[in-house]
Amino acid sequence: MDIDQHAEELASALGQDKEEVRQDLENLLEYSVPIDEAKQSVRRKYGGGGGDGGTPESKAIADLTPDGGNVTVTARVLSVGRRRIRYQGDETVIREGELADESGVVSYTAWTDFGFEPGDTVTVGNAGVREWEGEPELNMGESSTVALESETLDVPQRVGGERDLVDLAAGDRGRTVEARVLEVEQRVIDGRDGETTILSGVLGDETARLPFTDWDPTPELEEGAELRFEDVYVREFRGVPSVNLTEFTEVSPASVEVSDEAPEVDVAEAVESGGMYDVAVVGNVIEVRDGSGLIERCPECGRLVQNGQCRSHGQVDPDDDLRIKAIVDDGTATVTAILGREITEDVYGGTLEDALSAARDAMSREVVAEDVRGKLVGREYRVRGHLSVDEYGANLDASAFDETDDDAAARARAALEELGGDAEVGA
């Protein structure tokens, strides 16, 4: 439905002149207000907003729902970020971040600059509520109002966007981080306006390491630089949080310590995080899954090939490779550790060429997987790498895979002693 149809529908329902209604809609859409919210605003203007006379209801943040109509909220501004987006074919700068009251926190998007800053207490009037990534989000358009309150609202949340890397999550906006640039490369991608040059790489601090993308390349981003990044947003990239810098990100020098160690957590905690870029878990290998050992990959895209067929490129002449998919269990949950060729060669005790030779001698490629199973299953390992979680489960793309010094017999004896048993456990 185009704007003429929307205007005609509204004008008929409200008993107003179609051209006036159309002009009102166009004014709102010019500020990238979503069409449904714009129509609600026009209805309220002409007294068609509902039985309460069109006055938005005052609500606590915990009570906000997308189907509750427009609202009035009094809250503390936790963070403010800026981002340029394209909406309905036009570019616009939005403000975004989080608001909080005693009942909870809500993300917001402001389609115009209302001038508030982190720490301000504001009353937002006539704001819409929509669902964004499964949660309510407050939308402030041209018809919304923002009043600065003289009394500060006390909230338990931290005011301001400063966070350690480990505390960042996909969907965060208006964040400030201090980190060292561990890796950086310049790339040219096909953007929405043609070829675009960006920077990407890895940032690190004392708590974690995360990938980043700089969409408006900053000269200060050199390997080894220790920097403060004000106003970044976070989105998910390959299952983990990724820091995004924009033209509005302010970059300045900082002093940053970086740990060489990955945070070590139990498997359940890692999985519940939804994804971690650099993490370590310790557990026993309880199974080596099918698709391990000698495999074949598409020479075009690197995907697994079965019977010479790639899902994307059809019949191909595949490349041989080595891989292990090991299920690791630490008693809290399980994760599939994906070991690439280099680590798999270490586990196997031979090169890819050695594995191919063994398969020819045995006239079966499965001989390599069976050999690996015999070496891994039942032993305890520390696995470090990048964790992603999706509908198919949790996968840990391993950068390190080391057997622990764990003594199974000693653990069994300790367990028996704790239970008051005196059975003999052999080594």
Foldseek 3Di string as FASTA:
>chain_A
DDLQVLLVVLCVVLVHDSVVSSVQQVVQVVLVDDNVLSSLLSCLVSQNNDDVSSFADADAPVPDDQPRAFHKYKWAFQAWFWDWDAHPRRIAIWIWAWTHAAVGIAIEIESDCQPDHWQWTKIKTRWHWHADPRHIYTYHTPSIHIDTDPDGGDYPDHHAQEDEPVPDDAPHWQHKYKWAFADKDWDWDQDPVGTAIKMKGWTFAAAAIAIEIERPDDPQRDHGFTKMWTIWHWHDDQFAIYTYHYPRIDIDGDDGHGDPDAAEDEPVVCVVSRKGFKYKYKFAFADWDPPAFKFWAAPPPRDTDDPQQDPVPGRGDTDIFGWIFTWGHHPPDIETEIEGQVVLCVLQVHHSVVLVVVCVVVVHSCVSVVSSGVRGHPFMWMFIGIWHQDPVGIYGHGPDIGTDPDDVQVVVVVVCVVVVHDDHGDD
